[in-house]
């Protein structure tokens, strides 16, 4: 089942990013997902950030609270030089809508950590995350696991995304938690798998500092 226009918005963003490049611009337990195995490649275990990477992914401040760049149902720390901006005309993917984009370009990478939110309901974190992934045409080989952070218990997924526009397959990952103000999904993409893996320390920083706002 597919929801909303998330995949369309993603293709537009990827096309814009690719055009910029060509123009010279600058925890626990894992289980097999419900996705199919259409691609020969498979996601690897989450990469371990080095000490240097952990340092690079600190010092960016906190977003989510009232008065921050993005007011959200959760708060978390952002990596140094990453720039957060609220989304006024959000896209929708699955049961959630895009609320905030945290841009990695000022830190030297091409990609975003995106925050998606929805109004409160009866759905649990796993159902929300599965619906989010199902809303992205081209997703496959999902691997789900659980984690805890700041009193929140969430679900995380690593998967492959194949872009018909760019004709390439790359890694992506996302996590979901449910708060009294509704579910929240954090998603990390990237122009390609290399960019994705270089941005993982920022994603891990957000996950381990995640709290209810």
N, C-alpha and C. Protein backbone atom coordinates (compact mmCIF):
# COMPACT_ATOMS: atom_id res chain seq x y z
N UNK A 1 0.85 -1.20 0.00
CA UNK A 1 0.00 0.00 0.00
C UNK A 1 0.87 1.24 0.00
N UNK A 2 0.50 2.20 -0.78
CA UNK A 2 1.29 3.42 -0.87
C UNK A 2 0.48 4.60 -0.34
N UNK A 3 1.16 5.52 0.32
CA UNK A 3 0.50 6.70 0.88
C UNK A 3 1.15 7.95 0.33
N UNK A 4 0.38 8.99 0.08
CA UNK A 4 0.87 10.34 -0.15
C UNK A 4 1.84 10.49 -1.30
N UNK A 5 2.59 11.59 -1.23
CA UNK A 5 3.48 11.96 -2.33
C UNK A 5 4.92 11.99 -1.91
N UNK A 6 5.29 11.15 -0.91
CA UNK A 6 6.65 11.20 -0.41
C UNK A 6 7.68 10.86 -1.46
N UNK A 7 7.40 9.80 -2.25
CA UNK A 7 8.39 9.38 -3.23
C UNK A 7 8.58 10.41 -4.32
N UNK A 8 7.49 11.09 -4.69
CA UNK A 8 7.61 12.16 -5.70
C UNK A 8 8.47 13.29 -5.19
N UNK A 9 8.23 13.69 -3.94
CA UNK A 9 9.03 14.77 -3.37
C UNK A 9 10.48 14.39 -3.28
N UNK A 10 10.76 13.10 -2.95
CA UNK A 10 12.14 12.66 -2.84
C UNK A 10 12.85 12.73 -4.17
N UNK A 11 12.15 12.36 -5.25
CA UNK A 11 12.79 12.40 -6.55
C UNK A 11 13.11 13.83 -6.97
N UNK A 12 12.23 14.75 -6.62
CA UNK A 12 12.50 16.16 -6.93
C UNK A 12 13.73 16.64 -6.19
N UNK A 13 13.80 16.27 -4.89
CA UNK A 13 14.96 16.68 -4.09
C UNK A 13 16.23 16.07 -4.63
N UNK A 14 16.19 14.77 -4.99
CA UNK A 14 17.40 14.13 -5.50
C UNK A 14 17.85 14.75 -6.81
N UNK A 15 16.88 15.07 -7.66
CA UNK A 15 17.24 15.69 -8.93
C UNK A 15 17.91 17.02 -8.71
N UNK A 16 17.39 17.79 -7.76
CA UNK A 16 17.99 19.10 -7.47
C UNK A 16 19.39 18.94 -6.91
N UNK A 17 19.57 17.98 -6.03
CA UNK A 17 20.89 17.74 -5.46
C UNK A 17 21.89 17.32 -6.53
N UNK A 18 21.46 16.42 -7.41
CA UNK A 18 22.35 15.96 -8.46
C UNK A 18 22.73 17.10 -9.39
N UNK A 19 21.75 17.96 -9.71
CA UNK A 19 22.04 19.10 -10.57
C UNK A 19 23.07 20.01 -9.92
N UNK A 20 22.96 20.19 -8.58
CA UNK A 20 23.92 21.02 -7.87
C UNK A 20 25.32 20.46 -7.94
N UNK A 21 25.43 19.14 -7.81
CA UNK A 21 26.74 18.52 -7.87
C UNK A 21 27.35 18.67 -9.25
N UNK A 22 26.55 18.42 -10.28
CA UNK A 22 27.06 18.50 -11.64
C UNK A 22 27.46 19.92 -12.01
N UNK A 23 26.83 20.89 -11.37
CA UNK A 23 27.14 22.29 -11.65
C UNK A 23 28.34 22.79 -10.86
N UNK A 24 28.87 21.92 -9.99
CA UNK A 24 30.05 22.29 -9.21
C UNK A 24 29.70 22.91 -7.89
N UNK A 25 28.39 22.88 -7.48
CA UNK A 25 28.00 23.38 -6.18
C UNK A 25 28.48 22.40 -5.14
N UNK A 26 29.00 23.50 -4.39
CA UNK A 26 29.41 22.49 -3.55
C UNK A 26 28.31 21.62 -3.57
N UNK A 27 18.83 -0.37 21.41
CA UNK A 27 19.46 -0.69 20.19
C UNK A 27 19.53 -2.01 20.23
N UNK A 28 19.19 -2.01 19.80
CA UNK A 28 19.31 -3.39 20.21
C UNK A 28 18.57 -4.22 19.22
N UNK A 29 18.59 -5.46 19.21
CA UNK A 29 18.03 -6.49 18.45
C UNK A 29 17.60 -6.12 17.05
N UNK A 30 17.94 -6.91 16.10
CA UNK A 30 17.59 -6.69 14.72
C UNK A 30 16.84 -7.88 14.22
N UNK A 31 15.83 -7.66 13.37
CA UNK A 31 15.10 -8.77 12.82
C UNK A 31 14.86 -8.53 11.35
N UNK A 32 14.58 -9.57 10.61
CA UNK A 32 14.32 -9.42 9.18
C UNK A 32 13.05 -8.65 8.98
N UNK A 33 13.03 -7.73 8.00
CA UNK A 33 11.84 -6.93 7.74
C UNK A 33 10.87 -7.65 6.85
N UNK A 34 9.76 -6.97 6.56
CA UNK A 34 8.72 -7.55 5.74
C UNK A 34 8.91 -7.25 4.28
N UNK A 35 9.99 -6.48 3.92
CA UNK A 35 10.19 -6.08 2.53
C UNK A 35 10.61 -7.26 1.68
N UNK A 36 10.51 -7.08 0.36
CA UNK A 36 10.92 -8.14 -0.54
C UNK A 36 12.41 -8.10 -0.76
N UNK A 37 12.93 -8.99 -1.58
CA UNK A 37 14.36 -9.09 -1.84
C UNK A 37 14.63 -8.92 -3.31
N UNK A 38 14.14 -7.84 -3.87
CA UNK A 38 14.26 -7.63 -5.31
C UNK A 38 15.67 -7.25 -5.70
N UNK A 39 16.47 -6.73 -4.80
CA UNK A 39 17.81 -6.27 -5.14
C UNK A 39 18.83 -7.28 -4.64
N UNK A 40 19.92 -7.44 -5.37
CA UNK A 40 20.94 -8.40 -4.99
C UNK A 40 21.75 -7.90 -3.80
N UNK A 41 21.89 -6.58 -3.67
CA UNK A 41 22.62 -6.02 -2.53
C UNK A 41 21.74 -6.08 -1.31
N UNK A 42 22.35 -6.08 -0.12
CA UNK A 42 21.58 -6.08 1.12
C UNK A 42 22.21 -5.13 2.10
N UNK A 43 21.40 -4.52 3.01
CA UNK A 43 21.95 -3.57 3.97
C UNK A 43 22.89 -4.26 4.93
N UNK A 44 23.94 -3.57 5.31
CA UNK A 44 24.87 -4.10 6.29
C UNK A 44 24.45 -3.65 7.66
N UNK A 45 25.11 -4.15 8.70
CA UNK A 45 24.82 -3.70 10.06
C UNK A 45 25.19 -2.23 10.18
N UNK A 46 24.50 -1.48 11.09
CA UNK A 46 24.81 -0.06 11.25
C UNK A 46 26.28 0.17 11.50
N UNK A 47 26.83 1.17 10.81
CA UNK A 47 28.25 1.46 10.93
C UNK A 47 28.58 2.00 12.31
N UNK A 48 29.76 1.69 12.81
CA UNK A 48 30.23 2.20 14.09
C UNK A 48 30.99 3.49 13.87
N UNK A 49 30.56 4.55 14.51
CA UNK A 49 31.24 5.84 14.35
C UNK A 49 32.54 5.84 15.12
N UNK A 50 33.57 6.39 14.52
CA UNK A 50 34.87 6.50 15.19
C UNK A 50 34.83 7.64 16.18
N UNK A 51 35.85 7.72 17.03
CA UNK A 51 35.92 8.81 17.99
C UNK A 51 35.94 10.15 17.30
N UNK A 52 36.68 10.25 16.18
CA UNK A 52 36.76 11.51 15.45
C UNK A 52 35.40 11.88 14.88
N UNK A 53 34.67 10.88 14.39
CA UNK A 53 33.35 11.16 13.83
C UNK A 53 32.39 11.61 14.92
N UNK A 54 32.48 10.97 16.11
CA UNK A 54 31.62 11.38 17.21
C UNK A 54 31.87 12.83 17.57
N UNK A 55 33.13 13.26 17.55
CA UNK A 55 33.44 14.65 17.86
C UNK A 55 32.86 15.58 16.81
N UNK A 56 32.95 15.18 15.56
CA UNK A 56 32.44 16.01 14.48
C UNK A 56 30.93 16.14 14.55
N UNK A 57 30.27 15.15 15.17
CA UNK A 57 28.81 15.16 15.23
C UNK A 57 28.30 15.76 16.53
N UNK A 58 29.06 16.64 17.13
CA UNK A 58 28.63 17.28 18.38
C UNK A 58 28.66 18.79 18.21
N UNK A 59 28.09 19.47 19.17
CA UNK A 59 28.23 20.92 19.22
C UNK A 59 27.31 21.72 18.34
N UNK A 60 26.26 21.10 17.78
CA UNK A 60 25.36 21.84 16.91
C UNK A 60 24.15 22.42 17.60
N UNK A 61 23.99 22.15 18.88
CA UNK A 61 22.83 22.66 19.60
C UNK A 61 21.68 21.67 19.59
N UNK A 62 20.55 22.11 20.11
CA UNK A 62 19.36 21.26 20.26
C UNK A 62 18.18 21.89 19.54
N UNK A 63 17.39 21.07 18.86
CA UNK A 63 16.17 21.57 18.23
C UNK A 63 14.97 20.80 18.75
N UNK A 64 13.80 21.36 18.51
CA UNK A 64 12.56 20.72 18.91
C UNK A 64 11.78 21.50 19.94
N UNK A 65 12.48 22.19 20.84
CA UNK A 65 11.81 22.95 21.88
C UNK A 65 11.23 24.25 21.33
N UNK A 66 10.31 24.85 22.06
CA UNK A 66 9.75 26.13 21.67
C UNK A 66 10.86 27.15 21.51
N UNK A 67 10.83 27.90 20.41
CA UNK A 67 11.84 28.91 20.14
C UNK A 67 13.01 28.41 19.32
N UNK A 68 13.11 27.09 19.09
CA UNK A 68 14.18 26.56 18.26
C UNK A 68 13.78 26.64 16.79
N UNK A 69 14.70 26.30 15.90
CA UNK A 69 14.43 26.41 14.47
C UNK A 69 13.22 25.57 14.05
N UNK A 70 13.03 24.43 14.70
CA UNK A 70 11.88 23.56 14.43
C UNK A 70 11.25 23.19 15.77
N UNK A 71 9.99 23.53 15.97
CA UNK A 71 9.29 23.14 17.19
C UNK A 71 8.61 21.80 16.93
N UNK A 72 8.98 20.78 17.72
CA UNK A 72 8.58 19.41 17.47
C UNK A 72 8.08 18.73 18.74
N UNK A 73 7.47 17.55 18.63
CA UNK A 73 7.07 16.80 19.83
C UNK A 73 8.26 16.20 20.57
N UNK A 74 9.45 16.23 19.94
CA UNK A 74 10.67 15.72 20.57
C UNK A 74 11.77 16.76 20.46
N UNK A 75 12.81 16.58 21.25
CA UNK A 75 14.03 17.38 21.11
C UNK A 75 15.20 16.43 20.89
N UNK A 76 16.25 16.91 20.22
CA UNK A 76 17.46 16.13 20.04
C UNK A 76 18.59 17.07 19.62
N UNK A 77 19.81 16.59 19.79
CA UNK A 77 20.98 17.39 19.44
C UNK A 77 21.28 17.26 17.95
N UNK A 78 21.73 18.34 17.36
CA UNK A 78 22.13 18.34 15.96
C UNK A 78 23.65 18.40 15.84
N UNK A 79 24.17 17.89 14.74
CA UNK A 79 25.61 17.88 14.52
C UNK A 79 26.11 19.29 14.21
N UNK A 80 27.38 19.51 14.47
CA UNK A 80 28.00 20.80 14.24
C UNK A 80 27.88 21.21 12.77
N UNK A 81 27.46 22.43 12.54
CA UNK A 81 27.31 23.07 11.23
C UNK A 81 26.08 22.62 10.45
N UNK A 82 25.36 21.61 10.90
CA UNK A 82 24.12 21.24 10.21
C UNK A 82 23.07 22.32 10.48
N UNK A 83 22.32 22.69 9.47
CA UNK A 83 21.37 23.79 9.58
C UNK A 83 19.93 23.30 9.52
N UNK A 84 19.18 23.57 10.59
CA UNK A 84 17.78 23.14 10.68
C UNK A 84 16.84 24.24 10.18
N UNK A 85 15.79 23.83 9.49
CA UNK A 85 14.81 24.77 8.99
C UNK A 85 13.44 24.11 8.98
N UNK A 86 12.44 24.80 9.54
CA UNK A 86 11.07 24.28 9.54
C UNK A 86 10.53 24.26 8.12
N UNK A 87 9.67 23.29 7.82
CA UNK A 87 9.06 23.16 6.50
C UNK A 87 7.64 23.68 6.58
N UNK A 88 7.36 24.72 5.79
CA UNK A 88 6.05 25.37 5.86
C UNK A 88 4.99 24.68 5.00
N UNK A 89 5.41 24.06 3.90
CA UNK A 89 4.48 23.35 3.03
C UNK A 89 4.91 21.89 2.98
N UNK A 90 4.57 21.12 4.01
CA UNK A 90 5.15 19.79 4.15
C UNK A 90 4.65 18.78 3.11
N UNK A 91 5.54 17.88 2.77
CA UNK A 91 5.17 16.70 2.00
C UNK A 91 4.65 15.65 2.96
N UNK A 92 3.94 14.68 2.41
CA UNK A 92 3.41 13.61 3.23
C UNK A 92 3.95 12.27 2.74
N UNK A 93 4.33 11.42 3.67
CA UNK A 93 4.76 10.06 3.34
C UNK A 93 4.20 9.11 4.38
N UNK A 94 3.42 8.16 3.94
CA UNK A 94 2.76 7.28 4.89
C UNK A 94 1.83 8.10 5.78
N UNK A 95 1.87 7.88 7.09
CA UNK A 95 0.97 8.60 7.99
C UNK A 95 1.53 9.91 8.52
N UNK A 96 2.71 10.33 8.07
CA UNK A 96 3.37 11.50 8.64
C UNK A 96 3.67 12.56 7.58
N UNK A 97 3.85 13.79 8.04
CA UNK A 97 4.14 14.92 7.16
C UNK A 97 5.49 15.53 7.53
N UNK A 98 6.19 16.02 6.52
CA UNK A 98 7.51 16.61 6.74
C UNK A 98 7.38 17.92 7.53
N UNK A 99 8.11 18.00 8.63
CA UNK A 99 8.03 19.17 9.51
C UNK A 99 9.33 19.94 9.61
N UNK A 100 10.47 19.27 9.38
CA UNK A 100 11.75 19.93 9.58
C UNK A 100 12.81 19.26 8.74
N UNK A 101 13.71 20.07 8.15
CA UNK A 101 14.85 19.55 7.41
C UNK A 101 16.13 20.07 8.05
N UNK A 102 17.08 19.18 8.29
CA UNK A 102 18.37 19.57 8.86
C UNK A 102 19.41 19.27 7.79
N UNK A 103 19.94 20.32 7.20
CA UNK A 103 20.77 20.24 6.00
C UNK A 103 22.23 19.99 6.37
N UNK A 104 22.83 18.98 5.72
CA UNK A 104 24.23 18.64 5.98
C UNK A 104 25.21 19.42 5.12
N UNK A 105 24.73 20.15 4.13
CA UNK A 105 25.67 20.82 3.20
C UNK A 105 26.64 21.77 3.90
N UNK A 106 26.20 22.56 4.91
CA UNK A 106 27.19 23.42 5.58
C UNK A 106 28.31 22.65 6.27
N UNK A 107 28.07 21.36 6.55
CA UNK A 107 29.09 20.53 7.18
C UNK A 107 29.90 19.74 6.16
N UNK A 108 29.57 19.91 4.86
CA UNK A 108 30.37 19.28 3.82
C UNK A 108 29.79 18.02 3.21
N UNK A 109 28.53 17.68 3.53
CA UNK A 109 27.89 16.50 2.94
C UNK A 109 26.63 16.89 2.20
N UNK A 110 26.19 16.01 1.31
CA UNK A 110 24.97 16.27 0.54
C UNK A 110 23.87 15.35 1.04
N UNK A 111 22.95 15.91 1.80
CA UNK A 111 21.86 15.12 2.35
C UNK A 111 21.17 15.86 3.48
N UNK A 112 20.13 15.25 3.98
CA UNK A 112 19.33 15.85 5.04
C UNK A 112 18.98 14.81 6.10
N UNK A 113 18.85 15.26 7.34
CA UNK A 113 18.14 14.52 8.37
C UNK A 113 16.77 15.17 8.43
N UNK A 114 15.74 14.43 8.09
CA UNK A 114 14.39 15.00 8.01
C UNK A 114 13.53 14.48 9.16
N UNK A 115 12.68 15.36 9.67
CA UNK A 115 11.77 15.01 10.76
C UNK A 115 10.34 15.06 10.24
N UNK A 116 9.62 13.97 10.43
CA UNK A 116 8.24 13.84 9.98
C UNK A 116 7.35 13.64 11.20
N UNK A 117 6.18 14.29 11.22
CA UNK A 117 5.30 14.20 12.38
C UNK A 117 3.86 13.96 11.94
N UNK A 118 3.04 13.59 12.91
CA UNK A 118 1.60 13.42 12.67
C UNK A 118 0.86 13.69 13.97
N UNK A 119 -0.43 13.89 13.87
CA UNK A 119 -1.25 14.07 15.06
C UNK A 119 -1.34 12.75 15.81
N UNK A 120 -1.63 12.85 17.11
CA UNK A 120 -1.69 11.64 17.93
C UNK A 120 -2.79 10.70 17.44
N UNK A 121 -2.55 9.41 17.64
CA UNK A 121 -3.51 8.39 17.22
C UNK A 121 -3.22 7.10 17.95
N UNK A 122 -3.74 6.00 17.43
CA UNK A 122 -3.58 4.71 18.09
C UNK A 122 -2.42 3.88 17.55
N UNK A 123 -1.75 4.35 16.50
CA UNK A 123 -0.69 3.55 15.88
C UNK A 123 0.54 3.47 16.77
N UNK A 124 1.20 2.31 16.78
CA UNK A 124 2.45 2.15 17.51
C UNK A 124 3.62 2.51 16.59
N UNK A 125 4.81 2.61 17.17
CA UNK A 125 5.98 3.08 16.41
C UNK A 125 6.30 2.17 15.24
N UNK A 126 6.18 0.86 15.42
CA UNK A 126 6.50 -0.07 14.32
C UNK A 126 5.53 0.10 13.16
N UNK A 127 4.25 0.24 13.46
CA UNK A 127 3.26 0.42 12.40
C UNK A 127 3.49 1.72 11.65
N UNK A 128 3.82 2.78 12.38
CA UNK A 128 4.10 4.07 11.75
C UNK A 128 5.30 3.96 10.83
N UNK A 129 6.37 3.32 11.31
CA UNK A 129 7.59 3.23 10.52
C UNK A 129 7.38 2.36 9.28
N UNK A 130 6.67 1.26 9.42
CA UNK A 130 6.42 0.40 8.27
C UNK A 130 5.58 1.13 7.21
N UNK A 131 4.61 1.91 7.66
CA UNK A 131 3.79 2.67 6.72
C UNK A 131 4.62 3.76 6.04
N UNK A 132 5.56 4.35 6.79
CA UNK A 132 6.44 5.36 6.22
C UNK A 132 7.31 4.76 5.10
N UNK A 133 7.91 3.61 5.36
CA UNK A 133 8.74 2.97 4.36
C UNK A 133 7.90 2.52 3.16
N UNK A 134 6.70 2.02 3.44
CA UNK A 134 5.82 1.59 2.35
C UNK A 134 5.43 2.75 1.45
N UNK A 135 5.49 3.97 1.98
CA UNK A 135 5.15 5.15 1.19
C UNK A 135 6.28 5.62 0.29
N UNK A 136 7.41 4.92 0.31
CA UNK A 136 8.55 5.31 -0.52
C UNK A 136 8.74 4.26 -1.62
N UNK A 137 8.25 4.55 -2.81
CA UNK A 137 8.43 3.64 -3.93
C UNK A 137 9.92 3.43 -4.18
N UNK A 138 10.32 2.19 -4.27
CA UNK A 138 11.73 1.88 -4.50
C UNK A 138 12.43 1.35 -3.28
N UNK A 139 11.74 1.27 -2.13
CA UNK A 139 12.34 0.74 -0.90
C UNK A 139 12.28 -0.79 -0.91
N UNK A 140 13.34 -1.41 -0.41
CA UNK A 140 13.38 -2.88 -0.34
C UNK A 140 14.36 -3.33 0.74
N UNK A 141 14.29 -4.61 1.07
CA UNK A 141 15.22 -5.27 1.99
C UNK A 141 15.32 -4.56 3.34
N UNK A 142 14.17 -4.27 3.92
CA UNK A 142 14.12 -3.60 5.21
C UNK A 142 14.59 -4.53 6.34
N UNK A 143 15.33 -3.95 7.28
CA UNK A 143 15.74 -4.65 8.49
C UNK A 143 15.36 -3.79 9.69
N UNK A 144 14.50 -4.30 10.55
CA UNK A 144 13.97 -3.53 11.67
C UNK A 144 14.63 -3.94 12.98
N UNK A 145 14.73 -2.98 13.90
CA UNK A 145 15.23 -3.23 15.23
C UNK A 145 14.62 -2.24 16.21
N UNK A 146 14.84 -2.41 17.49
CA UNK A 146 14.30 -1.52 18.50
C UNK A 146 15.44 -0.78 19.22
N UNK A 147 15.10 0.34 19.85
CA UNK A 147 16.08 1.09 20.63
C UNK A 147 15.35 1.87 21.72
N UNK A 148 16.08 2.34 22.70
CA UNK A 148 15.53 3.20 23.74
C UNK A 148 16.41 4.43 23.87
N UNK A 149 15.78 5.57 24.16
CA UNK A 149 16.52 6.81 24.34
C UNK A 149 15.65 7.79 25.11
N UNK A 150 16.19 8.33 26.20
CA UNK A 150 15.48 9.36 26.95
C UNK A 150 14.10 8.96 27.42
N UNK A 151 13.92 7.70 27.78
CA UNK A 151 12.62 7.23 28.22
C UNK A 151 11.69 6.83 27.09
N UNK A 152 12.12 7.00 25.85
CA UNK A 152 11.33 6.61 24.69
C UNK A 152 11.80 5.26 24.17
N UNK A 153 10.87 4.43 23.78
CA UNK A 153 11.18 3.17 23.10
C UNK A 153 10.74 3.32 21.65
N UNK A 154 11.68 3.10 20.75
CA UNK A 154 11.39 3.31 19.34
C UNK A 154 11.76 2.13 18.48
N UNK A 155 11.48 2.26 17.20
CA UNK A 155 11.79 1.25 16.21
C UNK A 155 12.62 1.90 15.12
N UNK A 156 13.62 1.18 14.64
CA UNK A 156 14.54 1.70 13.63
C UNK A 156 14.57 0.75 12.44
N UNK A 157 14.79 1.31 11.25
CA UNK A 157 14.89 0.48 10.06
C UNK A 157 16.04 0.94 9.18
N UNK A 158 16.76 -0.03 8.61
CA UNK A 158 17.74 0.23 7.57
C UNK A 158 17.24 -0.47 6.32
N UNK A 159 17.31 0.19 5.18
CA UNK A 159 16.79 -0.41 3.95
C UNK A 159 17.54 0.14 2.74
N UNK A 160 17.21 -0.42 1.59
CA UNK A 160 17.76 0.05 0.33
C UNK A 160 16.69 0.83 -0.43
N UNK A 161 17.11 1.90 -1.07
CA UNK A 161 16.21 2.69 -1.90
C UNK A 161 16.79 2.75 -3.31
N UNK A 162 15.99 2.36 -4.28
CA UNK A 162 16.40 2.42 -5.67
C UNK A 162 15.66 3.55 -6.37
N UNK A 163 16.43 4.51 -6.88
CA UNK A 163 15.86 5.64 -7.59
C UNK A 163 15.72 5.32 -9.07
N UNK A 164 14.50 5.40 -9.59
CA UNK A 164 14.30 5.21 -11.02
C UNK A 164 14.90 6.38 -11.80
N UNK A 165 14.88 7.57 -11.21
CA UNK A 165 15.40 8.75 -11.88
C UNK A 165 16.92 8.67 -12.05
N UNK A 166 17.62 8.30 -10.96
CA UNK A 166 19.08 8.26 -10.99
C UNK A 166 19.62 6.88 -11.34
N UNK A 167 18.74 5.89 -11.37
CA UNK A 167 19.13 4.51 -11.69
C UNK A 167 20.26 4.02 -10.80
N UNK A 168 20.06 4.18 -9.48
CA UNK A 168 21.04 3.69 -8.53
C UNK A 168 20.35 3.27 -7.25
N UNK A 169 21.01 2.41 -6.50
CA UNK A 169 20.50 1.92 -5.23
C UNK A 169 21.41 2.41 -4.11
N UNK A 170 20.80 2.87 -3.04
CA UNK A 170 21.59 3.40 -1.92
C UNK A 170 20.94 3.05 -0.60
N UNK A 171 21.72 3.14 0.47
CA UNK A 171 21.21 2.88 1.81
C UNK A 171 20.47 4.09 2.37
N UNK A 172 19.43 3.81 3.13
CA UNK A 172 18.75 4.83 3.91
C UNK A 172 18.35 4.21 5.24
N UNK A 173 18.03 5.05 6.20
CA UNK A 173 17.51 4.53 7.46
C UNK A 173 16.61 5.55 8.11
N UNK A 174 15.78 5.04 9.02
CA UNK A 174 14.81 5.90 9.71
C UNK A 174 14.48 5.29 11.06
N UNK A 175 13.93 6.11 11.93
CA UNK A 175 13.45 5.62 13.22
C UNK A 175 12.12 6.29 13.52
N UNK A 176 11.35 5.66 14.37
CA UNK A 176 10.05 6.21 14.76
C UNK A 176 9.84 6.03 16.26
N UNK A 177 9.25 7.05 16.87
CA UNK A 177 8.80 6.98 18.26
C UNK A 177 7.39 7.56 18.31
N UNK A 178 6.67 7.21 19.36
CA UNK A 178 5.33 7.76 19.56
C UNK A 178 5.34 8.57 20.85
N UNK A 179 4.92 9.83 20.77
CA UNK A 179 4.86 10.73 21.91
C UNK A 179 3.41 11.08 22.23
N UNK A 180 3.14 11.71 23.36
CA UNK A 180 1.78 12.14 23.66
C UNK A 180 1.20 13.10 22.62
N UNK A 181 2.08 13.78 21.88
CA UNK A 181 1.63 14.70 20.84
C UNK A 181 1.63 14.08 19.44
N UNK A 182 1.88 12.78 19.38
CA UNK A 182 1.83 12.10 18.10
C UNK A 182 3.13 11.43 17.72
N UNK A 183 3.13 10.63 16.66
CA UNK A 183 4.33 9.94 16.22
C UNK A 183 5.33 10.87 15.55
N UNK A 184 6.60 10.50 15.63
CA UNK A 184 7.68 11.25 15.01
C UNK A 184 8.59 10.26 14.28
N UNK A 185 8.97 10.60 13.04
CA UNK A 185 9.90 9.79 12.27
C UNK A 185 11.11 10.66 11.94
N UNK A 186 12.31 10.15 12.21
CA UNK A 186 13.56 10.78 11.76
C UNK A 186 14.12 9.94 10.63
N UNK A 187 14.43 10.57 9.52
CA UNK A 187 14.90 9.85 8.34
C UNK A 187 16.22 10.43 7.84
N UNK A 188 17.18 9.56 7.57
CA UNK A 188 18.46 9.97 6.99
C UNK A 188 18.61 9.33 5.62
N UNK A 189 18.75 10.18 4.59
CA UNK A 189 18.98 9.70 3.24
C UNK A 189 20.41 9.97 2.84
N UNK A 190 20.57 10.81 1.83
CA UNK A 190 21.89 11.12 1.30
C UNK A 190 21.91 10.93 -0.19
N UNK A 191 22.81 11.62 -0.87
CA UNK A 191 22.88 11.53 -2.32
C UNK A 191 23.20 10.11 -2.76
N UNK A 192 24.06 9.40 -2.01
CA UNK A 192 24.39 8.02 -2.31
C UNK A 192 24.80 7.35 -1.01
N UNK A 193 25.17 6.06 -1.09
CA UNK A 193 25.51 5.32 0.12
C UNK A 193 26.72 5.91 0.83
N UNK A 194 27.71 6.38 0.08
CA UNK A 194 28.89 6.97 0.70
C UNK A 194 28.53 8.20 1.53
N UNK A 195 27.71 9.08 0.95
CA UNK A 195 27.26 10.27 1.69
C UNK A 195 26.46 9.85 2.92
N UNK A 196 25.60 8.86 2.75
CA UNK A 196 24.77 8.37 3.85
C UNK A 196 25.64 7.91 5.03
N UNK A 197 26.64 7.11 4.73
CA UNK A 197 27.48 6.58 5.80
C UNK A 197 28.32 7.67 6.47
N UNK A 198 28.73 8.68 5.70
CA UNK A 198 29.48 9.79 6.29
C UNK A 198 28.61 10.62 7.23
N UNK A 199 27.29 10.60 7.01
CA UNK A 199 26.38 11.38 7.84
C UNK A 199 25.83 10.60 9.02
N UNK A 200 26.16 9.31 9.13
CA UNK A 200 25.63 8.48 10.21
C UNK A 200 25.92 9.01 11.61
N UNK A 201 27.11 9.60 11.89
CA UNK A 201 27.32 10.13 13.24
C UNK A 201 26.28 11.18 13.64
N UNK A 202 25.81 11.98 12.70
CA UNK A 202 24.78 12.98 13.01
C UNK A 202 23.45 12.31 13.33
N UNK A 203 23.14 11.26 12.59
CA UNK A 203 21.91 10.48 12.86
C UNK A 203 22.00 9.81 14.23
N UNK A 204 23.14 9.19 14.52
CA UNK A 204 23.32 8.52 15.80
C UNK A 204 23.25 9.50 16.97
N UNK A 205 23.79 10.71 16.76
CA UNK A 205 23.71 11.75 17.78
C UNK A 205 22.26 12.10 18.07
N UNK A 206 21.47 12.29 17.02
CA UNK A 206 20.05 12.60 17.19
C UNK A 206 19.34 11.49 17.92
N UNK A 207 19.62 10.24 17.55
CA UNK A 207 18.94 9.09 18.17
C UNK A 207 19.26 8.97 19.66
N UNK A 208 20.52 9.11 20.02
CA UNK A 208 20.88 8.89 21.42
C UNK A 208 20.52 10.07 22.32
N UNK A 209 20.20 11.23 21.75
CA UNK A 209 19.79 12.39 22.57
C UNK A 209 18.30 12.67 22.44
N UNK A 210 17.57 11.77 21.81
CA UNK A 210 16.15 11.97 21.57
C UNK A 210 15.36 11.98 22.89
N UNK A 211 14.53 12.98 23.08
CA UNK A 211 13.71 13.14 24.28
C UNK A 211 12.35 13.70 23.90
N UNK A 212 11.36 13.49 24.75
CA UNK A 212 10.07 14.14 24.55
C UNK A 212 10.20 15.62 24.87
N UNK A 213 9.66 16.48 24.01
CA UNK A 213 9.78 17.92 24.20
C UNK A 213 8.97 18.39 25.41
